[in-house]
Amino acid sequence: MIDSPNDLFNDFPTVADAYFEAANSAHDVASWRPSHAVVMEAARRVGFQALRRRDTGAGKRAFGKHYNEVCRAWTRGERFKPVVIDKPKIERLSEQELLKRRVLWREKTGLLKDILEGRA
């Protein structure tokens, strides 16, 4: 395994640094701005779900294998499509809706307490 794949024009992060970046960013891919396109491509090939699980031994080996392949492909001139993940749209509630939800939550919580204490 290449520890730091380099050529004259591209300076890639080390495998360890790239894995650390990918594993720490896999939980929020939509906001992640990778240090280099090869890091994102290697993470995509391994799978973001696999990186989230962080089975460190197998995960590092799989990432290292893909990372080295991606670095060689980049050096040969291949370029990768960016990973596009839409951020979920945040629902904005009106004050009236928030009040309704709070009242309902209090009612349901009270009912649950009564059931657990044997009063219902």
PDB file of N, CA and C in Angstrom:
ATOM      1  N   MET A   1       0.841  -1.169   0.000  1.00  0.00           N
ATOM      2  CA  MET A   1       0.000   0.000   0.000  1.00  0.00           C
ATOM      3  C   MET A   1       0.891   1.237   0.000  1.00  0.00           C
ATOM      4  N   ILE A   2       0.568   2.176  -0.861  1.00  0.00           N
ATOM      5  CA  ILE A   2       1.319   3.427  -0.931  1.00  0.00           C
ATOM      6  C   ILE A   2       0.917   4.291   0.252  1.00  0.00           C
ATOM      7  N   ASP A   3       1.893   4.796   1.002  1.00  0.00           N
ATOM      8  CA  ASP A   3       1.564   5.616   2.159  1.00  0.00           C
ATOM      9  C   ASP A   3       1.212   7.040   1.755  1.00  0.00           C
ATOM     10  N   SER A   4       1.902   7.583   0.778  1.00  0.00           N
ATOM     11  CA  SER A   4       1.621   8.945   0.331  1.00  0.00           C
ATOM     12  C   SER A   4       1.821   9.028  -1.174  1.00  0.00           C
ATOM     13  N   PRO A   5       0.767   8.698  -1.948  1.00  0.00           N
ATOM     14  CA  PRO A   5       0.927   8.716  -3.395  1.00  0.00           C
ATOM     15  C   PRO A   5       1.133  10.142  -3.897  1.00  0.00           C
ATOM     16  N   ASN A   6       2.207  10.363  -4.611  1.00  0.00           N
ATOM     17  CA  ASN A   6       2.529  11.696  -5.123  1.00  0.00           C
ATOM     18  C   ASN A   6       2.954  11.617  -6.581  1.00  0.00           C
ATOM     19  N   ASP A   7       2.795  12.698  -7.274  1.00  0.00           N
ATOM     20  CA  ASP A   7       3.471  12.880  -8.539  1.00  0.00           C
ATOM     21  C   ASP A   7       3.922  14.330  -8.579  1.00  0.00           C
ATOM     22  N   LEU A   8       4.433  14.772  -9.683  1.00  0.00           N
ATOM     23  CA  LEU A   8       4.994  16.117  -9.733  1.00  0.00           C
ATOM     24  C   LEU A   8       3.944  17.220  -9.595  1.00  0.00           C
ATOM     25  N   PHE A   9       2.705  16.940  -9.993  1.00  0.00           N
ATOM     26  CA  PHE A   9       1.694  17.990 -10.032  1.00  0.00           C
ATOM     27  C   PHE A   9       0.614  17.859  -8.968  1.00  0.00           C
ATOM     28  N   ASN A  10       0.429  16.687  -8.432  1.00  0.00           N
ATOM     29  CA  ASN A  10      -0.628  16.454  -7.458  1.00  0.00           C
ATOM     30  C   ASN A  10      -0.027  16.032  -6.132  1.00  0.00           C
ATOM     31  N   ASP A  11      -0.460  16.657  -5.094  1.00  0.00           N
ATOM     32  CA  ASP A  11      -0.012  16.296  -3.766  1.00  0.00           C
ATOM     33  C   ASP A  11      -1.225  15.767  -3.006  1.00  0.00           C
ATOM     34  N   PHE A  12      -1.303  14.460  -2.878  1.00  0.00           N
ATOM     35  CA  PHE A  12      -2.453  13.832  -2.245  1.00  0.00           C
ATOM     36  C   PHE A  12      -2.235  13.721  -0.737  1.00  0.00           C
ATOM     37  N   PRO A  13      -3.326  13.754   0.044  1.00  0.00           N
ATOM     38  CA  PRO A  13      -3.187  13.489   1.473  1.00  0.00           C
ATOM     39  C   PRO A  13      -2.721  12.044   1.687  1.00  0.00           C
ATOM     40  N   THR A  14      -2.094  11.776   2.807  1.00  0.00           N
ATOM     41  CA  THR A  14      -1.693  10.398   3.100  1.00  0.00           C
ATOM     42  C   THR A  14      -2.942   9.545   3.259  1.00  0.00           C
ATOM     43  N   VAL A  15      -2.775   8.238   3.166  1.00  0.00           N
ATOM     44  CA  VAL A  15      -3.899   7.318   3.320  1.00  0.00           C
ATOM     45  C   VAL A  15      -4.541   7.506   4.694  1.00  0.00           C
ATOM     46  N   ALA A  16      -3.733   7.617   5.732  1.00  0.00           N
ATOM     47  CA  ALA A  16      -4.258   7.776   7.092  1.00  0.00           C
ATOM     48  C   ALA A  16      -5.049   9.072   7.228  1.00  0.00           C
ATOM     49  N   ASP A  17      -4.504  10.173   6.694  1.00  0.00           N
ATOM     50  CA  ASP A  17      -5.211  11.456   6.767  1.00  0.00           C
ATOM     51  C   ASP A  17      -6.504  11.424   5.961  1.00  0.00           C
ATOM     52  N   ALA A  18      -6.455  10.816   4.790  1.00  0.00           N
ATOM     53  CA  ALA A  18      -7.638  10.735   3.931  1.00  0.00           C
ATOM     54  C   ALA A  18      -8.717   9.875   4.595  1.00  0.00           C
ATOM     55  N   TYR A  19      -8.317   8.747   5.190  1.00  0.00           N
ATOM     56  CA  TYR A  19      -9.291   7.884   5.874  1.00  0.00           C
ATOM     57  C   TYR A  19      -9.921   8.625   7.047  1.00  0.00           C
ATOM     58  N   PHE A  20      -9.107   9.308   7.833  1.00  0.00           N
ATOM     59  CA  PHE A  20      -9.612  10.050   8.984  1.00  0.00           C
ATOM     60  C   PHE A  20     -10.614  11.107   8.535  1.00  0.00           C
ATOM     61  N   GLU A  21     -10.282  11.824   7.477  1.00  0.00           N
ATOM     62  CA  GLU A  21     -11.180  12.855   6.946  1.00  0.00           C
ATOM     63  C   GLU A  21     -12.487  12.241   6.461  1.00  0.00           C
ATOM     64  N   ALA A  22     -12.390  11.157   5.700  1.00  0.00           N
ATOM     65  CA  ALA A  22     -13.588  10.521   5.153  1.00  0.00           C
ATOM     66  C   ALA A  22     -14.467   9.937   6.253  1.00  0.00           C
ATOM     67  N   ALA A  23     -13.863   9.263   7.219  1.00  0.00           N
ATOM     68  CA  ALA A  23     -14.642   8.650   8.295  1.00  0.00           C
ATOM     69  C   ALA A  23     -15.316   9.705   9.158  1.00  0.00           C
ATOM     70  N   ASN A  24     -14.644  10.812   9.391  1.00  0.00           N
ATOM     71  CA  ASN A  24     -15.230  11.877  10.205  1.00  0.00           C
ATOM     72  C   ASN A  24     -16.272  12.683   9.449  1.00  0.00           C
ATOM     73  N   SER A  25     -16.269  12.631   8.134  1.00  0.00           N
ATOM     74  CA  SER A  25     -17.205  13.428   7.340  1.00  0.00           C
ATOM     75  C   SER A  25     -18.340  12.603   6.759  1.00  0.00           C
ATOM     76  N   ALA A  26     -18.293  11.295   6.891  1.00  0.00           N
ATOM     77  CA  ALA A  26     -19.293  10.424   6.270  1.00  0.00           C
ATOM     78  C   ALA A  26     -20.690  10.628   6.838  1.00  0.00           C
ATOM     79  N   HIS A  27     -20.803  11.153   8.040  1.00  0.00           N
ATOM     80  CA  HIS A  27     -22.117  11.363   8.649  1.00  0.00           C
ATOM     81  C   HIS A  27     -22.855  12.552   8.050  1.00  0.00           C
ATOM     82  N   ASP A  28     -22.133  13.472   7.405  1.00  0.00           N
ATOM     83  CA  ASP A  28     -22.755  14.657   6.817  1.00  0.00           C
ATOM     84  C   ASP A  28     -22.106  14.956   5.468  1.00  0.00           C
ATOM     85  N   VAL A  29     -22.343  14.078   4.528  1.00  0.00           N
ATOM     86  CA  VAL A  29     -21.703  14.175   3.211  1.00  0.00           C
ATOM     87  C   VAL A  29     -22.140  15.437   2.475  1.00  0.00           C
ATOM     88  N   ALA A  30     -23.376  15.880   2.705  1.00  0.00           N
ATOM     89  CA  ALA A  30     -23.891  17.056   2.000  1.00  0.00           C
ATOM     90  C   ALA A  30     -23.097  18.317   2.345  1.00  0.00           C
ATOM     91  N   SER A  31     -22.559  18.393   3.545  1.00  0.00           N
ATOM     92  CA  SER A  31     -21.805  19.585   3.963  1.00  0.00           C
ATOM     93  C   SER A  31     -20.295  19.429   3.825  1.00  0.00           C
ATOM     94  N   TRP A  32     -19.853  18.236   3.520  1.00  0.00           N
ATOM     95  CA  TRP A  32     -18.422  17.946   3.483  1.00  0.00           C
ATOM     96  C   TRP A  32     -17.772  18.594   2.272  1.00  0.00           C
ATOM     97  N   ARG A  33     -16.689  19.297   2.510  1.00  0.00           N
ATOM     98  CA  ARG A  33     -15.859  19.854   1.450  1.00  0.00           C
ATOM     99  C   ARG A  33     -14.507  19.162   1.549  1.00  0.00           C
ATOM    100  N   PRO A  34     -14.303  18.099   0.739  1.00  0.00           N
ATOM    101  CA  PRO A  34     -13.080  17.305   0.880  1.00  0.00           C
ATOM    102  C   PRO A  34     -11.817  18.087   0.525  1.00  0.00           C
ATOM    103  N   SER A  35     -10.717  17.685   1.122  1.00  0.00           N
ATOM    104  CA  SER A  35      -9.437  18.346   0.863  1.00  0.00           C
ATOM    105  C   SER A  35      -8.948  18.071  -0.558  1.00  0.00           C
ATOM    106  N   HIS A  36      -9.398  16.970  -1.160  1.00  0.00           N
ATOM    107  CA  HIS A  36      -9.016  16.628  -2.534  1.00  0.00           C
ATOM    108  C   HIS A  36     -10.100  15.720  -3.093  1.00  0.00           C
ATOM    109  N   ALA A  37     -10.321  15.778  -4.384  1.00  0.00           N
ATOM    110  CA  ALA A  37     -11.356  14.968  -5.031  1.00  0.00           C
ATOM    111  C   ALA A  37     -11.109  13.473  -4.858  1.00  0.00           C
ATOM    112  N   VAL A  38      -9.853  13.054  -4.727  1.00  0.00           N
ATOM    113  CA  VAL A  38      -9.570  11.623  -4.575  1.00  0.00           C
ATOM    114  C   VAL A  38     -10.083  11.093  -3.234  1.00  0.00           C
ATOM    115  N   VAL A  39     -10.112  11.944  -2.217  1.00  0.00           N
ATOM    116  CA  VAL A  39     -10.610  11.510  -0.908  1.00  0.00           C
ATOM    117  C   VAL A  39     -12.102  11.216  -1.009  1.00  0.00           C
ATOM    118  N   MET A  40     -12.850  12.102  -1.646  1.00  0.00           N
ATOM    119  CA  MET A  40     -14.291  11.899  -1.815  1.00  0.00           C
ATOM    120  C   MET A  40     -14.575  10.671  -2.667  1.00  0.00           C
ATOM    121  N   GLU A  41     -13.831  10.501  -3.758  1.00  0.00           N
ATOM    122  CA  GLU A  41     -14.063   9.362  -4.650  1.00  0.00           C
ATOM    123  C   GLU A  41     -13.761   8.044  -3.948  1.00  0.00           C
ATOM    124  N   ALA A  42     -12.689   7.985  -3.184  1.00  0.00           N
ATOM    125  CA  ALA A  42     -12.370   6.755  -2.449  1.00  0.00           C
ATOM    126  C   ALA A  42     -13.450   6.465  -1.412  1.00  0.00           C
ATOM    127  N   ALA A  43     -13.928   7.498  -0.736  1.00  0.00           N
ATOM    128  CA  ALA A  43     -14.999   7.318   0.248  1.00  0.00           C
ATOM    129  C   ALA A  43     -16.270   6.828  -0.434  1.00  0.00           C
ATOM    130  N   ARG A  44     -16.567   7.380  -1.601  1.00  0.00           N
ATOM    131  CA  ARG A  44     -17.752   6.940  -2.338  1.00  0.00           C
ATOM    132  C   ARG A  44     -17.643   5.471  -2.736  1.00  0.00           C
ATOM    133  N   ARG A  45     -16.453   5.060  -3.172  1.00  0.00           N
ATOM    134  CA  ARG A  45     -16.261   3.669  -3.592  1.00  0.00           C
ATOM    135  C   ARG A  45     -16.349   2.692  -2.419  1.00  0.00           C
ATOM    136  N   VAL A  46     -15.846   3.097  -1.270  1.00  0.00           N
ATOM    137  CA  VAL A  46     -15.947   2.243  -0.077  1.00  0.00           C
ATOM    138  C   VAL A  46     -17.393   2.210   0.400  1.00  0.00           C
ATOM    139  N   GLY A  47     -18.044   3.348   0.356  1.00  0.00           N
ATOM    140  CA  GLY A  47     -19.427   3.472   0.805  1.00  0.00           C
ATOM    141  C   GLY A  47     -19.496   4.300   2.077  1.00  0.00           C
ATOM    142  N   PHE A  48     -20.337   5.305   2.059  1.00  0.00           N
ATOM    143  CA  PHE A  48     -20.439   6.187   3.218  1.00  0.00           C
ATOM    144  C   PHE A  48     -20.994   5.449   4.430  1.00  0.00           C
ATOM    145  N   GLN A  49     -21.901   4.507   4.184  1.00  0.00           N
ATOM    146  CA  GLN A  49     -22.454   3.724   5.292  1.00  0.00           C
ATOM    147  C   GLN A  49     -21.359   2.887   5.949  1.00  0.00           C
ATOM    148  N   ALA A  50     -20.494   2.304   5.159  1.00  0.00           N
ATOM    149  CA  ALA A  50     -19.389   1.516   5.723  1.00  0.00           C
ATOM    150  C   ALA A  50     -18.446   2.396   6.527  1.00  0.00           C
ATOM    151  N   LEU A  51     -18.212   3.599   6.062  1.00  0.00           N
ATOM    152  CA  LEU A  51     -17.343   4.523   6.800  1.00  0.00           C
ATOM    153  C   LEU A  51     -17.997   4.967   8.104  1.00  0.00           C
ATOM    154  N   ARG A  52     -19.320   5.093   8.102  1.00  0.00           N
ATOM    155  CA  ARG A  52     -20.019   5.484   9.327  1.00  0.00           C
ATOM    156  C   ARG A  52     -19.908   4.406  10.392  1.00  0.00           C
ATOM    157  N   ARG A  53     -19.919   3.142   9.960  1.00  0.00           N
ATOM    158  CA  ARG A  53     -19.832   2.031  10.929  1.00  0.00           C
ATOM    159  C   ARG A  53     -18.472   1.977  11.586  1.00  0.00           C
ATOM    160  N   ARG A  54     -17.476   2.422  10.869  1.00  0.00           N
ATOM    161  CA  ARG A  54     -16.106   2.513  11.388  1.00  0.00           C
ATOM    162  C   ARG A  54     -15.552   1.198  11.915  1.00  0.00           C
ATOM    163  N   ASP A  55     -15.734   0.136  11.160  1.00  0.00           N
ATOM    164  CA  ASP A  55     -15.032  -1.108  11.473  1.00  0.00           C
ATOM    165  C   ASP A  55     -13.588  -0.826  11.093  1.00  0.00           C
ATOM    166  N   THR A  56     -12.816  -0.296  12.032  1.00  0.00           N
ATOM    167  CA  THR A  56     -11.542   0.331  11.712  1.00  0.00           C
ATOM    168  C   THR A  56     -10.573  -0.559  10.957  1.00  0.00           C
ATOM    169  N   GLY A  57     -10.420  -1.792  11.348  1.00  0.00           N
ATOM    170  CA  GLY A  57      -9.453  -2.651  10.661  1.00  0.00           C
ATOM    171  C   GLY A  57      -9.810  -2.877   9.206  1.00  0.00           C
ATOM    172  N   ALA A  58     -10.985  -3.445   8.989  1.00  0.00           N
ATOM    173  CA  ALA A  58     -11.430  -3.734   7.625  1.00  0.00           C
ATOM    174  C   ALA A  58     -11.700  -2.444   6.857  1.00  0.00           C
ATOM    175  N   GLY A  59     -12.236  -1.445   7.544  1.00  0.00           N
ATOM    176  CA  GLY A  59     -12.548  -0.176   6.884  1.00  0.00           C
ATOM    177  C   GLY A  59     -11.309   0.528   6.375  1.00  0.00           C
ATOM    178  N   LYS A  60     -10.248   0.547   7.179  1.00  0.00           N
ATOM    179  CA  LYS A  60      -9.006   1.189   6.756  1.00  0.00           C
ATOM    180  C   LYS A  60      -8.375   0.452   5.589  1.00  0.00           C
ATOM    181  N   ARG A  61      -8.407  -0.871   5.644  1.00  0.00           N
ATOM    182  CA  ARG A  61      -7.822  -1.653   4.539  1.00  0.00           C
ATOM    183  C   ARG A  61      -8.596  -1.422   3.239  1.00  0.00           C
ATOM    184  N   ALA A  62      -9.922  -1.461   3.316  1.00  0.00           N
ATOM    185  CA  ALA A  62     -10.740  -1.246   2.116  1.00  0.00           C
ATOM    186  C   ALA A  62     -10.548   0.168   1.587  1.00  0.00           C
ATOM    187  N   PHE A  63     -10.532   1.135   2.489  1.00  0.00           N
ATOM    188  CA  PHE A  63     -10.346   2.520   2.057  1.00  0.00           C
ATOM    189  C   PHE A  63      -8.967   2.685   1.422  1.00  0.00           C
ATOM    190  N   GLY A  64      -7.928   2.118   2.042  1.00  0.00           N
ATOM    191  CA  GLY A  64      -6.574   2.225   1.506  1.00  0.00           C
ATOM    192  C   GLY A  64      -6.460   1.654   0.108  1.00  0.00           C
ATOM    193  N   LYS A  65      -7.103   0.513  -0.108  1.00  0.00           N
ATOM    194  CA  LYS A  65      -7.076  -0.123  -1.432  1.00  0.00           C
ATOM    195  C   LYS A  65      -7.726   0.798  -2.471  1.00  0.00           C
ATOM    196  N   HIS A  66      -8.922   1.268  -2.160  1.00  0.00           N
ATOM    197  CA  HIS A  66      -9.621   2.145  -3.101  1.00  0.00           C
ATOM    198  C   HIS A  66      -8.898   3.476  -3.268  1.00  0.00           C
ATOM    199  N   TYR A  67      -8.357   3.989  -2.187  1.00  0.00           N
ATOM    200  CA  TYR A  67      -7.668   5.283  -2.243  1.00  0.00           C
ATOM    201  C   TYR A  67      -6.460   5.215  -3.170  1.00  0.00           C
ATOM    202  N   ASN A  68      -5.688   4.161  -3.067  1.00  0.00           N
ATOM    203  CA  ASN A  68      -4.523   4.011  -3.944  1.00  0.00           C
ATOM    204  C   ASN A  68      -4.940   3.880  -5.406  1.00  0.00           C
ATOM    205  N   GLU A  69      -6.010   3.134  -5.663  1.00  0.00           N
ATOM    206  CA  GLU A  69      -6.510   3.002  -7.040  1.00  0.00           C
ATOM    207  C   GLU A  69      -6.963   4.361  -7.579  1.00  0.00           C
ATOM    208  N   VAL A  70      -7.667   5.126  -6.747  1.00  0.00           N
ATOM    209  CA  VAL A  70      -8.175   6.427  -7.161  1.00  0.00           C
ATOM    210  C   VAL A  70      -7.022   7.402  -7.405  1.00  0.00           C
ATOM    211  N   CYS A  71      -6.008   7.363  -6.550  1.00  0.00           N
ATOM    212  CA  CYS A  71      -4.851   8.251  -6.734  1.00  0.00           C
ATOM    213  C   CYS A  71      -4.124   7.937  -8.038  1.00  0.00           C
ATOM    214  N   ARG A  72      -3.972   6.651  -8.341  1.00  0.00           N
ATOM    215  CA  ARG A  72      -3.328   6.271  -9.605  1.00  0.00           C
ATOM    216  C   ARG A  72      -4.170   6.735 -10.797  1.00  0.00           C
ATOM    217  N   ALA A  73      -5.504   6.578 -10.690  1.00  0.00           N
ATOM    218  CA  ALA A  73      -6.388   7.006 -11.775  1.00  0.00           C
ATOM    219  C   ALA A  73      -6.306   8.520 -11.965  1.00  0.00           C
ATOM    220  N   TRP A  74      -6.252   9.266 -10.870  1.00  0.00           N
ATOM    221  CA  TRP A  74      -6.139  10.728 -10.949  1.00  0.00           C
ATOM    222  C   TRP A  74      -4.827  11.121 -11.635  1.00  0.00           C
ATOM    223  N   THR A  75      -3.752  10.413 -11.280  1.00  0.00           N
ATOM    224  CA  THR A  75      -2.440  10.691 -11.857  1.00  0.00           C
ATOM    225  C   THR A  75      -2.434  10.410 -13.365  1.00  0.00           C
ATOM    226  N   ARG A  76      -3.213   9.395 -13.780  1.00  0.00           N
ATOM    227  CA  ARG A  76      -3.332   9.089 -15.206  1.00  0.00           C
ATOM    228  C   ARG A  76      -4.194  10.109 -15.944  1.00  0.00           C
ATOM    229  N   GLY A  77      -4.873  10.976 -15.210  1.00  0.00           N
ATOM    230  CA  GLY A  77      -5.677  12.013 -15.849  1.00  0.00           C
ATOM    231  C   GLY A  77      -7.175  11.850 -15.698  1.00  0.00           C
ATOM    232  N   GLU A  78      -7.626  10.794 -15.027  1.00  0.00           N
ATOM    233  CA  GLU A  78      -9.063  10.625 -14.815  1.00  0.00           C
ATOM    234  C   GLU A  78      -9.561  11.668 -13.821  1.00  0.00           C
ATOM    235  N   ARG A  79     -10.785  12.115 -14.025  1.00  0.00           N
ATOM    236  CA  ARG A  79     -11.426  13.030 -13.088  1.00  0.00           C
ATOM    237  C   ARG A  79     -12.768  12.440 -12.703  1.00  0.00           C
ATOM    238  N   PHE A  80     -13.234  12.749 -11.533  1.00  0.00           N
ATOM    239  CA  PHE A  80     -14.415  12.109 -10.975  1.00  0.00           C
ATOM    240  C   PHE A  80     -15.547  13.106 -10.831  1.00  0.00           C
ATOM    241  N   LYS A  81     -16.754  12.609 -11.035  1.00  0.00           N
ATOM    242  CA  LYS A  81     -17.934  13.449 -10.874  1.00  0.00           C
ATOM    243  C   LYS A  81     -18.116  13.732  -9.381  1.00  0.00           C
ATOM    244  N   PRO A  82     -18.483  14.956  -9.045  1.00  0.00           N
ATOM    245  CA  PRO A  82     -18.710  15.259  -7.628  1.00  0.00           C
ATOM    246  C   PRO A  82     -19.937  14.525  -7.110  1.00  0.00           C
ATOM    247  N   VAL A  83     -19.895  14.164  -5.850  1.00  0.00           N
ATOM    248  CA  VAL A  83     -21.031  13.528  -5.196  1.00  0.00           C
ATOM    249  C   VAL A  83     -21.992  14.636  -4.801  1.00  0.00           C
ATOM    250  N   VAL A  84     -23.225  14.539  -5.285  1.00  0.00           N
ATOM    251  CA  VAL A  84     -24.222  15.563  -4.993  1.00  0.00           C
ATOM    252  C   VAL A  84     -25.296  14.949  -4.116  1.00  0.00           C
ATOM    253  N   ILE A  85     -25.433  15.494  -2.930  1.00  0.00           N
ATOM    254  CA  ILE A  85     -26.460  15.038  -2.007  1.00  0.00           C
ATOM    255  C   ILE A  85     -27.224  16.271  -1.556  1.00  0.00           C
ATOM    256  N   ASP A  86     -28.509  16.253  -1.811  1.00  0.00           N
ATOM    257  CA  ASP A  86     -29.327  17.389  -1.408  1.00  0.00           C
ATOM    258  C   ASP A  86     -29.542  17.355   0.095  1.00  0.00           C
ATOM    259  N   LYS A  87     -29.434  18.521   0.696  1.00  0.00           N
ATOM    260  CA  LYS A  87     -29.739  18.624   2.116  1.00  0.00           C
ATOM    261  C   LYS A  87     -31.252  18.563   2.277  1.00  0.00           C
ATOM    262  N   PRO A  88     -31.708  17.901   3.329  1.00  0.00           N
ATOM    263  CA  PRO A  88     -33.156  17.859   3.530  1.00  0.00           C
ATOM    264  C   PRO A  88     -33.692  19.259   3.827  1.00  0.00           C
ATOM    265  N   LYS A  89     -34.873  19.504   3.321  1.00  0.00           N
ATOM    266  CA  LYS A  89     -35.489  20.808   3.567  1.00  0.00           C
ATOM    267  C   LYS A  89     -36.040  20.815   4.983  1.00  0.00           C
ATOM    268  N   ILE A  90     -35.785  21.881   5.681  1.00  0.00           N
ATOM    269  CA  ILE A  90     -36.212  21.996   7.064  1.00  0.00           C
ATOM    270  C   ILE A  90     -37.620  22.570   7.085  1.00  0.00           C
ATOM    271  N   GLU A  91     -38.484  21.876   7.812  1.00  0.00           N
ATOM    272  CA  GLU A  91     -39.866  22.326   7.929  1.00  0.00           C
ATOM    273  C   GLU A  91     -39.936  23.437   8.972  1.00  0.00           C
ATOM    274  N   ARG A  92     -40.484  24.563   8.584  1.00  0.00           N
ATOM    275  CA  ARG A  92     -40.669  25.684   9.501  1.00  0.00           C
ATOM    276  C   ARG A  92     -42.122  25.694   9.949  1.00  0.00           C
ATOM    277  N   LEU A  93     -42.328  25.637  11.259  1.00  0.00           N
ATOM    278  CA  LEU A  93     -43.675  25.613  11.805  1.00  0.00           C
ATOM    279  C   LEU A  93     -44.077  27.002  12.285  1.00  0.00           C
ATOM    280  N   SER A  94     -45.350  27.278  12.166  1.00  0.00           N
ATOM    281  CA  SER A  94     -45.865  28.546  12.668  1.00  0.00           C
ATOM    282  C   SER A  94     -45.933  28.466  14.196  1.00  0.00           C
ATOM    283  N   GLU A  95     -46.080  29.616  14.827  1.00  0.00           N
ATOM    284  CA  GLU A  95     -46.205  29.651  16.289  1.00  0.00           C
ATOM    285  C   GLU A  95     -47.435  28.864  16.737  1.00  0.00           C
ATOM    286  N   GLN A  96     -48.514  28.956  15.966  1.00  0.00           N
ATOM    287  CA  GLN A  96     -49.753  28.237  16.295  1.00  0.00           C
ATOM    288  C   GLN A  96     -49.514  26.725  16.253  1.00  0.00           C
ATOM    289  N   GLU A  97     -48.825  26.255  15.225  1.00  0.00           N
ATOM    290  CA  GLU A  97     -48.537  24.821  15.112  1.00  0.00           C
ATOM    291  C   GLU A  97     -47.614  24.356  16.235  1.00  0.00           C
ATOM    292  N   LEU A  98     -46.628  25.161  16.574  1.00  0.00           N
ATOM    293  CA  LEU A  98     -45.741  24.814  17.691  1.00  0.00           C
ATOM    294  C   LEU A  98     -46.513  24.692  18.996  1.00  0.00           C
ATOM    295  N   LEU A  99     -47.429  25.614  19.229  1.00  0.00           N
ATOM    296  CA  LEU A  99     -48.248  25.579  20.438  1.00  0.00           C
ATOM    297  C   LEU A  99     -49.111  24.317  20.477  1.00  0.00           C
ATOM    298  N   LYS A 100     -49.729  23.974  19.337  1.00  0.00           N
ATOM    299  CA  LYS A 100     -50.544  22.754  19.260  1.00  0.00           C
ATOM    300  C   LYS A 100     -49.708  21.517  19.581  1.00  0.00           C
ATOM    301  N   ARG A 101     -48.506  21.461  19.047  1.00  0.00           N
ATOM    302  CA  ARG A 101     -47.643  20.297  19.291  1.00  0.00           C
ATOM    303  C   ARG A 101     -47.214  20.211  20.751  1.00  0.00           C
ATOM    304  N   ARG A 102     -46.943  21.344  21.374  1.00  0.00           N
ATOM    305  CA  ARG A 102     -46.553  21.340  22.789  1.00  0.00           C
ATOM    306  C   ARG A 102     -47.699  20.855  23.670  1.00  0.00           C
ATOM    307  N   VAL A 103     -48.904  21.344  23.384  1.00  0.00           N
ATOM    308  CA  VAL A 103     -50.078  20.920  24.158  1.00  0.00           C
ATOM    309  C   VAL A 103     -50.299  19.424  23.985  1.00  0.00           C
ATOM    310  N   LEU A 104     -50.245  18.948  22.757  1.00  0.00           N
ATOM    311  CA  LEU A 104     -50.431  17.522  22.495  1.00  0.00           C
ATOM    312  C   LEU A 104     -49.353  16.698  23.190  1.00  0.00           C
ATOM    313  N   TRP A 105     -48.105  17.166  23.150  1.00  0.00           N
ATOM    314  CA  TRP A 105     -46.999  16.449  23.801  1.00  0.00           C
ATOM    315  C   TRP A 105     -47.248  16.333  25.298  1.00  0.00           C
ATOM    316  N   ARG A 106     -47.711  17.431  25.923  1.00  0.00           N
ATOM    317  CA  ARG A 106     -47.985  17.402  27.367  1.00  0.00           C
ATOM    318  C   ARG A 106     -49.110  16.428  27.694  1.00  0.00           C
ATOM    319  N   GLU A 107     -50.163  16.426  26.863  1.00  0.00           N
ATOM    320  CA  GLU A 107     -51.276  15.504  27.080  1.00  0.00           C
ATOM    321  C   GLU A 107     -50.811  14.055  26.976  1.00  0.00           C
ATOM    322  N   LYS A 108     -50.063  13.741  25.923  1.00  0.00           N
ATOM    323  CA  LYS A 108     -49.602  12.362  25.710  1.00  0.00           C
ATOM    324  C   LYS A 108     -48.612  11.938  26.790  1.00  0.00           C
ATOM    325  N   THR A 109     -47.777  12.869  27.244  1.00  0.00           N
ATOM    326  CA  THR A 109     -46.824  12.557  28.308  1.00  0.00           C
ATOM    327  C   THR A 109     -47.563  12.270  29.605  1.00  0.00           C
ATOM    328  N   GLY A 110     -48.588  13.077  29.905  1.00  0.00           N
ATOM    329  CA  GLY A 110     -49.396  12.840  31.106  1.00  0.00           C
ATOM    330  C   GLY A 110     -50.096  11.498  31.048  1.00  0.00           C
ATOM    331  N   LEU A 111     -50.638  11.155  29.890  1.00  0.00           N
ATOM    332  CA  LEU A 111     -51.294   9.859  29.716  1.00  0.00           C
ATOM    333  C   LEU A 111     -50.312   8.714  29.908  1.00  0.00           C
ATOM    334  N   LEU A 112     -49.137   8.854  29.364  1.00  0.00           N
ATOM    335  CA  LEU A 112     -48.105   7.822  29.508  1.00  0.00           C
ATOM    336  C   LEU A 112     -47.707   7.657  30.969  1.00  0.00           C
ATOM    337  N   LYS A 113     -47.568   8.745  31.699  1.00  0.00           N
ATOM    338  CA  LYS A 113     -47.237   8.677  33.129  1.00  0.00           C
ATOM    339  C   LYS A 113     -48.333   7.953  33.895  1.00  0.00           C
ATOM    340  N   ASP A 114     -49.602   8.259  33.568  1.00  0.00           N
ATOM    341  CA  ASP A 114     -50.710   7.591  34.247  1.00  0.00           C
ATOM    342  C   ASP A 114     -50.688   6.087  33.974  1.00  0.00           C
ATOM    343  N   ILE A 115     -50.412   5.708  32.736  1.00  0.00           N
ATOM    344  CA  ILE A 115     -50.355   4.283  32.387  1.00  0.00           C
ATOM    345  C   ILE A 115     -49.221   3.602  33.145  1.00  0.00           C
ATOM    346  N   LEU A 116     -48.074   4.223  33.183  1.00  0.00           N
ATOM    347  CA  LEU A 116     -46.924   3.617  33.865  1.00  0.00           C
ATOM    348  C   LEU A 116     -47.114   3.532  35.373  1.00  0.00           C
ATOM    349  N   GLU A 117     -47.859   4.471  35.939  1.00  0.00           N
ATOM    350  CA  GLU A 117     -48.090   4.452  37.382  1.00  0.00           C
ATOM    351  C   GLU A 117     -49.329   3.644  37.742  1.00  0.00           C
ATOM    352  N   GLY A 118     -50.027   3.086  36.756  1.00  0.00           N
ATOM    353  CA  GLY A 118     -51.169   2.216  36.997  1.00  0.00           C
ATOM    354  C   GLY A 118     -52.461   2.962  37.259  1.00  0.00           C
ATOM    355  N   ARG A 119     -52.555   4.211  36.911  1.00  0.00           N
ATOM    356  CA  ARG A 119     -53.765   4.992  37.158  1.00  0.00           C
ATOM    357  C   ARG A 119     -54.712   4.983  35.970  1.00  0.00           C
ATOM    358  N   ALA A 120     -54.297   4.458  34.858  1.00  0.00           N
ATOM    359  CA  ALA A 120     -55.181   4.490  33.688  1.00  0.00           C
ATOM    360  C   ALA A 120     -55.632   3.105  33.286  1.00  0.00           C
TER     361      ALA A 120
END
